C-alpha cells in the first residue's frame, strides 16, 4: 500500500467514525428538523 493509499484509508476511517458519532448523539434528527423548517419557510407554508 502506498503512502497516499494509507492516508486515504485513514481519512475514510475518520469520516466513518465522525458519522457514527453524530448518529449516536442524535444529530441526524436535529438536522432533519432544521431542513424541514427551512423548506417550509422557503415555499411559504410555515
C-alpha atoms as a PDB file:
ATOM      1  CA  UNK A   1       0.000   0.000   0.000  1.00  0.00           C
ATOM      2  CA  UNK A   2       1.407   3.365  -0.953  1.00  0.00           C
ATOM      3  CA  UNK A   3       1.602   6.359   1.340  1.00  0.00           C
ATOM      4  CA  UNK A   4      -1.311   8.005  -0.454  1.00  0.00           C
ATOM      5  CA  UNK A   5      -3.394   4.857  -0.028  1.00  0.00           C
ATOM      6  CA  UNK A   6      -2.706   4.826   3.712  1.00  0.00           C
ATOM      7  CA  UNK A   7      -3.718   8.469   4.022  1.00  0.00           C
ATOM      8  CA  UNK A   8      -6.943   7.814   2.100  1.00  0.00           C
ATOM      9  CA  UNK A   9      -7.765   4.833   4.300  1.00  0.00           C
ATOM     10  CA  UNK A  10      -7.114   6.848   7.440  1.00  0.00           C
ATOM     11  CA  UNK A  11      -9.330   9.702   6.251  1.00  0.00           C
ATOM     12  CA  UNK A  12     -12.102   7.283   5.290  1.00  0.00           C
ATOM     13  CA  UNK A  13     -11.963   5.634   8.721  1.00  0.00           C
ATOM     14  CA  UNK A  14     -12.036   9.053  10.398  1.00  0.00           C
ATOM     15  CA  UNK A  15     -15.050  10.117   8.313  1.00  0.00           C
ATOM     16  CA  UNK A  16     -16.954   6.934   9.193  1.00  0.00           C
ATOM     17  CA  UNK A  17     -16.175   7.450  12.889  1.00  0.00           C
ATOM     18  CA  UNK A  18     -17.446  11.047  12.744  1.00  0.00           C
ATOM     19  CA  UNK A  19     -20.659   9.987  11.007  1.00  0.00           C
ATOM     20  CA  UNK A  20     -21.291   7.247  13.567  1.00  0.00           C
ATOM     21  CA  UNK A  21     -20.575   9.636  16.449  1.00  0.00           C
ATOM     22  CA  UNK A  22     -23.068  12.149  15.040  1.00  0.00           C
ATOM     23  CA  UNK A  23     -25.724   9.452  14.667  1.00  0.00           C
ATOM     24  CA  UNK A  24     -25.092   8.263  18.215  1.00  0.00           C
ATOM     25  CA  UNK A  25     -25.594  11.820  19.516  1.00  0.00           C
ATOM     26  CA  UNK A  26     -28.899  12.172  17.659  1.00  0.00           C
ATOM     27  CA  UNK A  27     -27.740  14.948  15.354  1.00  0.00           C
ATOM     28  CA  UNK A  28     -29.458  13.465  12.296  1.00  0.00           C
ATOM     29  CA  UNK A  29     -32.865  14.228  13.820  1.00  0.00           C
ATOM     30  CA  UNK A  30     -31.854  17.820  14.599  1.00  0.00           C
ATOM     31  CA  UNK A  31     -30.623  18.404  11.058  1.00  0.00           C
ATOM     32  CA  UNK A  32     -33.812  16.911   9.604  1.00  0.00           C
ATOM     33  CA  UNK A  33     -35.985  19.206  11.721  1.00  0.00           C
ATOM     34  CA  UNK A  34     -33.971  22.252  10.641  1.00  0.00           C
ATOM     35  CA  UNK A  35     -34.152  21.230   6.974  1.00  0.00           C
ATOM     36  CA  UNK A  36     -37.927  20.777   7.123  1.00  0.00           C
ATOM     37  CA  UNK A  37     -38.325  24.152   8.806  1.00  0.00           C
ATOM     38  CA  UNK A  38     -36.218  25.923   6.185  1.00  0.00           C
ATOM     39  CA  UNK A  39     -38.062  24.229   3.318  1.00  0.00           C
ATOM     40  CA  UNK A  40     -41.449  25.127   4.748  1.00  0.00           C
ATOM     41  CA  UNK A  41     -40.381  28.778   5.105  1.00  0.00           C
ATOM     42  CA  UNK A  42     -38.995  28.910   1.572  1.00  0.00           C
ATOM     43  CA  UNK A  43     -42.195  27.712  -0.069  1.00  0.00           C
ATOM     44  CA  UNK A  44     -44.378  29.756   2.240  1.00  0.00           C
ATOM     45  CA  UNK A  45     -46.182  27.046   4.175  1.00  0.00           C
ATOM     46  CA  UNK A  46     -44.746  27.728   7.590  1.00  0.00           C
END
